[in-house]
Amino acid sequence: MEYRNLGRSGLKVSSLCLGTMTFGEADESSFMHKVGCTKEESFEIMNRALDAGINFFDTADVYGQDGLTERVIGEWFEKDKRRDDVVLATKFRFRMGKDANGTGASRYRIRKTVEDSLRRLKTDRIDLYQIHMQDVDTPEDETIRALDDLVRQGKVLYIGASNYAAYRLVDSIWTSDHLRTERFVSLQAQYSLIVRELEREHVPACAKHGLSILPWSPLAGGFLSGKYQKDAKPPEGSRLDQWKERYARFDSPRNWRVMEAVNAVAKETGASCAQVALAWLLNKPTVASVIFGARSTAQLDDNLKAAELALTDGMMKQLDDASALELGYPYDFMNNIQKRW
């Protein structure tokens, strides 16, 4: 397993990060109903991941329902005593209460969300605390100052962003530098062979300002796993069988061309489609660690091999060309003149 610095910090994280959204069996009120795994299976996956060299786990207060996934991880910490082996990341921002302040990123709310997560996770600190999405109702300096307070109190070690617009991300970095507070070390965002919009603005911004990118949904909800076939229904019980609207958005000529390229590289290397998709991201600039989920140890073991998969320049170009993104204005205008933007 390779270990990379997280942003400009000295923190080393494994190049693969265990995403825990599927940990715990949520009931029908949750969007994760019937796509999770049991607590016991979750424990087994976390132990197997650590033993394989993954030291980076990512979760969020809204995963499962009512903090379910954080509670599962907390029980595992208490049972297996492996807290200090893990770089633990969690997120806050989305609604966790019915009152007016039950959502958002105000100072008032952050004070509560961090204490709730610490209690559920049964830990004394959160290694990477991330705002799950920008809050346009709260000034960025209020959020940053509140997070800076948590670092100074030792409850949080590093801070990160997720699902930010590029303008807001750069504004946040400027605000941190101006106020001399802690600044984001990472951006967690959707990024895959299917979803490459991040490359227009976010990737250059992160490279310039020293943030690492942590891709989520690197397999596009499982679309890149190889289990889906053109002109066929999703396999029964698969995640995209549950999320039919999302599958309909993936079902396009461009995306099936991507799958053709992934299958070709997989055949050439003897790897699985999932391994190829993950390895493509691991070769991208500014990516420190790729977040992947697993509902079983078999899925975990398959994905782990991506860390060892070497893609040639020719393979990367094949995948890049098949998944090429229409830049749009003004990026295509600038690219036509200088071949970059």
Protein backbone atom coordinates (compact mmCIF):
# COMPACT_ATOMS: atom_id res chain seq x y z
CA MET A 1 0.00 0.00 0.00
CA GLU A 2 1.26 3.45 -0.91
CA TYR A 3 0.92 6.33 1.58
CA ARG A 4 0.57 9.92 0.46
CA ASN A 5 0.57 13.29 2.20
CA LEU A 6 -2.88 14.80 2.71
CA GLY A 7 -2.64 18.24 1.14
CA ARG A 8 0.20 20.35 2.52
CA SER A 9 0.02 18.57 5.86
CA GLY A 10 2.44 15.98 7.16
CA LEU A 11 -0.38 13.44 7.60
CA LYS A 12 0.13 10.23 5.62
CA VAL A 13 -2.95 8.41 4.35
CA SER A 14 -3.24 5.20 2.36
CA SER A 15 -3.88 5.67 -1.35
CA LEU A 16 -7.15 3.77 -0.87
CA CYS A 17 -9.66 4.99 1.71
CA LEU A 18 -12.40 2.77 3.12
CA GLY A 19 -15.77 4.42 2.64
CA THR A 20 -18.27 3.30 5.26
CA MET A 21 -21.62 4.50 3.90
CA THR A 22 -22.87 0.90 3.68
CA PHE A 23 -22.07 0.03 7.31
CA GLY A 24 -25.17 -0.82 9.29
CA GLU A 25 -28.62 -1.97 8.20
CA ALA A 26 -30.83 1.09 7.76
CA ASP A 27 -34.63 0.87 7.79
CA GLU A 28 -36.99 2.00 5.03
CA SER A 29 -36.80 5.65 6.11
CA SER A 30 -33.17 5.85 4.93
CA PHE A 31 -31.87 6.22 1.38
CA MET A 32 -29.46 3.38 2.30
CA HIS A 33 -32.27 0.89 2.96
CA LYS A 34 -31.36 -2.57 1.60
CA VAL A 35 -27.93 -1.50 0.33
CA GLY A 36 -26.00 -1.79 3.60
CA CYS A 37 -24.32 -4.64 5.47
CA THR A 38 -24.64 -5.91 9.02
CA LYS A 39 -22.64 -4.62 11.97
CA GLU A 40 -20.72 -7.89 12.11
CA GLU A 41 -19.85 -7.72 8.42
CA SER A 42 -18.76 -4.11 8.91
CA PHE A 43 -16.41 -5.14 11.72
CA GLU A 44 -14.89 -7.83 9.50
CA ILE A 45 -14.39 -5.39 6.61
CA MET A 46 -12.68 -2.80 8.84
CA ASN A 47 -10.31 -5.36 10.32
CA ARG A 48 -9.48 -6.76 6.89
CA ALA A 49 -8.84 -3.27 5.51
CA LEU A 50 -6.45 -2.36 8.32
CA ASP A 51 -4.60 -5.64 7.99
CA ALA A 52 -4.19 -4.92 4.26
CA GLY A 53 -2.61 -1.52 4.94
CA ILE A 54 -5.56 0.85 4.62
CA ASN A 55 -5.23 3.37 7.45
CA PHE A 56 -7.84 5.88 6.22
CA PHE A 57 -11.59 5.49 6.94
CA ASP A 58 -14.26 7.97 5.84
CA THR A 59 -17.76 8.34 7.25
CA ALA A 60 -20.42 11.01 7.93
CA ASP A 61 -23.03 11.75 10.56
CA VAL A 62 -25.87 11.22 8.04
CA TYR A 63 -24.71 7.80 6.81
CA GLY A 64 -27.20 5.05 7.57
CA GLN A 65 -29.75 6.98 9.62
CA ASP A 66 -29.55 9.00 12.82
CA GLY A 67 -25.79 8.48 13.01
CA LEU A 68 -26.00 4.70 12.43
CA THR A 69 -22.68 4.29 10.61
CA GLU A 70 -20.78 6.39 13.15
CA ARG A 71 -22.27 4.24 15.93
CA VAL A 72 -21.14 1.05 14.16
CA ILE A 73 -17.59 2.39 13.89
CA GLY A 74 -17.67 3.50 17.52
CA GLU A 75 -18.68 0.02 18.64
CA TRP A 76 -15.85 -1.43 16.59
CA PHE A 77 -13.34 0.97 18.16
CA GLU A 78 -14.59 -0.07 21.60
CA LYS A 79 -14.49 -3.78 20.79
CA ASP A 80 -11.28 -4.16 18.78
CA LYS A 81 -9.19 -1.35 20.34
CA ARG A 82 -7.74 -0.22 17.00
CA ARG A 83 -8.60 3.47 17.14
CA ASP A 84 -4.99 4.63 16.95
CA ASP A 85 -4.42 2.59 13.77
CA VAL A 86 -7.00 4.66 11.88
CA VAL A 87 -6.95 8.12 10.33
CA LEU A 88 -10.63 8.83 10.91
CA ALA A 89 -12.57 11.23 8.69
CA THR A 90 -16.18 12.22 9.18
CA LYS A 91 -18.46 14.93 7.86
CA PHE A 92 -21.18 17.30 9.06
CA ARG A 93 -23.60 19.74 7.41
CA PHE A 94 -26.79 17.95 6.37
CA ARG A 95 -29.93 17.77 8.46
CA MET A 96 -29.71 15.74 11.66
CA GLY A 97 -32.49 17.47 13.60
CA LYS A 98 -35.98 18.87 13.03
CA ASP A 99 -35.39 22.29 14.58
CA ALA A 100 -34.35 25.41 12.68
CA ASN A 101 -30.68 24.81 13.50
CA GLY A 102 -30.76 21.10 12.69
CA THR A 103 -28.84 21.66 9.45
CA GLY A 104 -26.09 23.92 8.11
CA ALA A 105 -22.59 24.99 9.10
CA SER A 106 -23.08 27.78 11.62
CA ARG A 107 -20.84 28.08 14.66
CA TYR A 108 -23.88 27.22 16.81
CA ARG A 109 -24.48 23.98 14.93
CA ILE A 110 -20.84 22.91 14.50
CA ARG A 111 -20.42 22.97 18.28
CA LYS A 112 -23.21 20.38 18.51
CA THR A 113 -22.35 18.21 15.49
CA VAL A 114 -18.78 17.60 16.61
CA GLU A 115 -19.83 16.57 20.12
CA ASP A 116 -22.52 14.24 18.71
CA SER A 117 -20.03 12.59 16.33
CA LEU A 118 -17.39 12.20 19.05
CA ARG A 119 -19.96 10.51 21.26
CA ARG A 120 -21.20 8.13 18.56
CA LEU A 121 -17.67 7.30 17.42
CA LYS A 122 -16.50 6.75 21.01
CA THR A 123 -13.32 8.72 20.42
CA ASP A 124 -11.62 11.82 21.79
CA ARG A 125 -10.80 13.38 18.41
CA ILE A 126 -11.68 13.41 14.72
CA ASP A 127 -8.62 13.31 12.52
CA LEU A 128 -10.21 14.94 9.46
CA TYR A 129 -13.44 16.91 9.96
CA GLN A 130 -15.15 17.86 6.71
CA ILE A 131 -18.07 20.12 5.86
CA HIS A 132 -20.27 17.88 3.70
CA MET A 133 -21.36 20.72 1.38
CA GLN A 134 -20.92 24.48 1.38
CA ASP A 135 -23.58 26.40 3.30
CA VAL A 136 -24.62 29.52 1.38
CA ASP A 137 -26.64 30.70 4.38
CA THR A 138 -23.55 30.91 6.60
CA PRO A 139 -20.55 33.19 5.94
CA GLU A 140 -17.46 31.14 5.20
CA ASP A 141 -15.44 32.97 7.85
CA GLU A 142 -17.93 31.86 10.53
CA THR A 143 -17.54 28.22 9.52
CA ILE A 144 -13.76 28.45 9.27
CA ARG A 145 -13.38 30.17 12.66
CA ALA A 146 -15.59 27.53 14.30
CA LEU A 147 -13.52 24.73 12.78
CA ASP A 148 -10.30 26.49 13.79
CA ASP A 149 -11.57 26.55 17.39
CA LEU A 150 -12.07 22.77 17.27
CA VAL A 151 -8.48 22.27 16.11
CA ARG A 152 -7.15 24.48 18.90
CA GLN A 153 -9.24 22.48 21.39
CA GLY A 154 -7.77 19.20 20.10
CA LYS A 155 -11.17 17.77 19.14
CA VAL A 156 -10.26 17.95 15.44
CA LEU A 157 -6.79 17.62 13.89
CA TYR A 158 -7.35 18.62 10.25
CA ILE A 159 -10.24 20.16 8.34
CA GLY A 160 -11.55 19.52 4.84
CA ALA A 161 -14.33 20.42 2.43
CA SER A 162 -16.70 18.33 0.36
CA ASN A 163 -19.05 19.21 -2.50
CA TYR A 164 -17.87 22.82 -2.76
CA ALA A 165 -18.12 25.06 -5.80
CA ALA A 166 -14.66 26.10 -6.97
CA TYR A 167 -15.29 29.79 -6.26
CA ARG A 168 -16.32 29.02 -2.67
CA LEU A 169 -13.35 26.73 -2.14
CA VAL A 170 -10.86 29.38 -3.25
CA ASP A 171 -12.69 31.98 -1.17
CA SER A 172 -12.39 29.70 1.85
CA ILE A 173 -8.63 29.27 1.36
CA TRP A 174 -8.22 33.04 1.01
CA THR A 175 -10.31 33.57 4.14
CA SER A 176 -8.19 31.13 6.14
CA ASP A 177 -4.96 32.73 4.98
CA HIS A 178 -6.29 36.23 5.70
CA LEU A 179 -7.53 35.31 9.19
CA ARG A 180 -4.51 33.06 9.88
CA THR A 181 -6.73 30.13 10.81
CA GLU A 182 -6.55 26.48 9.92
CA ARG A 183 -7.24 25.89 6.23
CA PHE A 184 -8.70 22.98 4.35
CA VAL A 185 -6.21 20.24 3.48
CA SER A 186 -8.53 18.31 1.19
CA LEU A 187 -11.59 18.36 -1.04
CA GLN A 188 -13.82 15.31 -1.12
CA ALA A 189 -15.78 15.30 -4.36
CA GLN A 190 -17.41 13.05 -6.92
CA TYR A 191 -14.78 12.05 -9.48
CA SER A 192 -14.58 9.08 -11.81
CA LEU A 193 -14.24 8.09 -15.44
CA ILE A 194 -17.93 8.88 -15.74
CA VAL A 195 -17.95 12.16 -13.77
CA ARG A 196 -14.98 14.33 -14.75
CA GLU A 197 -16.44 17.84 -14.41
CA LEU A 198 -14.10 18.44 -11.49
CA GLU A 199 -11.25 18.85 -13.96
CA ARG A 200 -12.56 22.18 -15.28
CA GLU A 201 -11.97 24.24 -12.13
CA HIS A 202 -11.47 22.19 -8.97
CA VAL A 203 -8.43 20.18 -10.00
CA PRO A 204 -6.42 23.28 -11.05
CA ALA A 205 -7.55 25.13 -7.91
CA CYS A 206 -6.55 22.28 -5.61
CA ALA A 207 -3.18 21.93 -7.34
CA LYS A 208 -2.48 25.65 -6.95
CA HIS A 209 -3.53 25.87 -3.31
CA GLY A 210 -2.14 22.57 -2.06
CA LEU A 211 -5.34 20.61 -1.39
CA SER A 212 -5.61 16.88 -1.98
CA ILE A 213 -8.64 15.52 -3.79
CA LEU A 214 -10.47 12.58 -2.22
CA PRO A 215 -12.73 11.13 -4.92
CA TRP A 216 -16.04 9.65 -3.83
CA SER A 217 -18.13 7.32 -5.98
CA PRO A 218 -15.03 6.34 -8.01
CA LEU A 219 -17.02 3.48 -9.56
CA ALA A 220 -19.99 5.74 -10.36
CA GLY A 221 -22.34 3.96 -7.99
CA GLY A 222 -21.06 0.59 -9.24
CA PHE A 223 -21.59 1.37 -12.94
CA LEU A 224 -17.84 0.93 -13.58
CA SER A 225 -17.70 -2.41 -11.76
CA GLY A 226 -18.42 -4.34 -14.96
CA LYS A 227 -21.63 -5.92 -13.72
CA TYR A 228 -23.89 -3.77 -15.93
CA GLN A 229 -24.48 -4.48 -19.61
CA LYS A 230 -25.71 -2.23 -22.40
CA ASP A 231 -29.40 -2.66 -23.30
CA ALA A 232 -29.98 -4.85 -20.22
CA LYS A 233 -31.63 -4.24 -16.88
CA PRO A 234 -29.38 -3.81 -13.82
CA PRO A 235 -28.78 -7.09 -11.95
CA GLU A 236 -31.43 -7.68 -9.31
CA GLY A 237 -30.32 -6.51 -5.89
CA SER A 238 -27.50 -4.31 -7.21
CA ARG A 239 -27.22 -0.73 -5.99
CA LEU A 240 -28.27 0.73 -9.34
CA ASP A 241 -31.21 -1.64 -9.40
CA GLN A 242 -32.34 0.14 -6.23
CA TRP A 243 -31.45 3.58 -7.64
CA LYS A 244 -33.11 3.31 -11.07
CA GLU A 245 -33.15 7.05 -11.76
CA ARG A 246 -29.40 7.22 -11.28
CA TYR A 247 -28.88 4.25 -13.59
CA ALA A 248 -30.97 5.99 -16.25
CA ARG A 249 -28.58 8.95 -16.13
CA PHE A 250 -25.59 6.65 -16.65
CA ASP A 251 -27.22 4.84 -19.59
CA SER A 252 -25.75 6.94 -22.42
CA PRO A 253 -23.58 6.30 -25.52
CA ARG A 254 -20.64 8.17 -23.98
CA ASN A 255 -20.69 6.09 -20.80
CA TRP A 256 -20.91 2.78 -22.67
CA ARG A 257 -17.86 3.89 -24.68
CA VAL A 258 -16.11 4.40 -21.35
CA MET A 259 -17.06 0.87 -20.31
CA GLU A 260 -15.69 -0.52 -23.57
CA ALA A 261 -12.33 1.10 -22.81
CA VAL A 262 -12.39 -0.10 -19.20
CA ASN A 263 -13.15 -3.65 -20.33
CA ALA A 264 -10.34 -3.51 -22.89
CA VAL A 265 -7.76 -2.38 -20.32
CA ALA A 266 -9.06 -4.93 -17.82
CA LYS A 267 -8.61 -7.70 -20.38
CA GLU A 268 -5.11 -6.51 -21.24
CA THR A 269 -3.97 -6.31 -17.62
CA GLY A 270 -5.90 -9.25 -16.21
CA ALA A 271 -7.50 -6.91 -13.69
CA SER A 272 -11.16 -6.35 -12.88
CA CYS A 273 -13.07 -3.35 -14.25
CA ALA A 274 -13.29 -1.89 -10.75
CA GLN A 275 -9.53 -2.14 -10.30
CA VAL A 276 -8.93 -0.34 -13.60
CA ALA A 277 -11.33 2.49 -12.70
CA LEU A 278 -9.72 2.96 -9.29
CA ALA A 279 -6.17 2.80 -10.70
CA TRP A 280 -7.05 5.49 -13.27
CA LEU A 281 -7.92 7.86 -10.43
CA LEU A 282 -4.79 6.96 -8.47
CA ASN A 283 -2.78 8.22 -11.44
CA LYS A 284 -4.49 11.60 -11.49
CA PRO A 285 -2.71 14.73 -10.16
CA THR A 286 -3.78 15.98 -6.71
CA VAL A 287 -5.55 12.71 -5.79
CA ALA A 288 -4.24 11.54 -2.42
CA SER A 289 -6.65 8.73 -1.65
CA VAL A 290 -9.61 7.18 -3.45
CA ILE A 291 -12.68 6.43 -1.33
CA PHE A 292 -14.33 3.14 -2.14
CA GLY A 293 -17.09 1.24 -0.42
CA ALA A 294 -17.46 -2.47 0.26
CA ARG A 295 -20.42 -4.49 1.43
CA SER A 296 -18.36 -7.66 1.80
CA THR A 297 -14.77 -8.73 2.31
CA ALA A 298 -14.82 -10.13 -1.24
CA GLN A 299 -15.53 -6.66 -2.65
CA LEU A 300 -12.85 -5.23 -0.39
CA ASP A 301 -10.24 -7.75 -1.52
CA ASP A 302 -10.99 -7.06 -5.19
CA ASN A 303 -10.67 -3.30 -4.79
CA LEU A 304 -7.46 -3.57 -2.78
CA LYS A 305 -5.64 -4.87 -5.86
CA ALA A 306 -6.11 -1.48 -7.54
CA ALA A 307 -3.32 -0.08 -5.37
CA GLU A 308 -0.87 -2.43 -7.09
CA LEU A 309 -2.19 -2.07 -10.65
CA ALA A 310 0.20 -0.22 -12.96
CA LEU A 311 -1.43 1.43 -15.97
CA THR A 312 0.81 2.40 -18.87
CA ASP A 313 0.69 5.83 -20.48
CA GLY A 314 -1.09 4.22 -23.41
CA MET A 315 -3.76 2.74 -21.15
CA MET A 316 -4.28 6.06 -19.40
CA LYS A 317 -4.68 7.79 -22.78
CA GLN A 318 -7.15 5.14 -23.90
CA LEU A 319 -9.26 5.73 -20.80
CA ASP A 320 -8.84 9.51 -20.96
CA ASP A 321 -9.93 9.65 -24.60
CA ALA A 322 -12.99 7.43 -24.08
CA SER A 323 -14.16 9.49 -21.10
CA ALA A 324 -13.19 12.91 -22.47
CA LEU A 325 -15.37 15.70 -21.17
CA GLU A 326 -16.83 18.45 -23.32
CA LEU A 327 -15.14 21.46 -21.81
CA GLY A 328 -17.64 24.14 -22.78
CA TYR A 329 -16.99 27.85 -22.77
CA PRO A 330 -14.62 29.43 -21.84
CA TYR A 331 -12.45 26.35 -21.31
CA ASP A 332 -12.62 25.11 -24.89
CA PHE A 333 -11.83 28.63 -26.15
CA MET A 334 -8.69 28.80 -24.00
CA ASN A 335 -7.75 25.20 -24.76
CA ASN A 336 -7.91 25.86 -28.50
CA ILE A 337 -5.41 28.69 -28.13
CA GLN A 338 -2.97 27.35 -25.52
CA LYS A 339 -3.90 23.65 -25.32
CA ARG A 340 -4.61 24.11 -21.63
CA TRP A 341 -6.70 26.32 -19.38
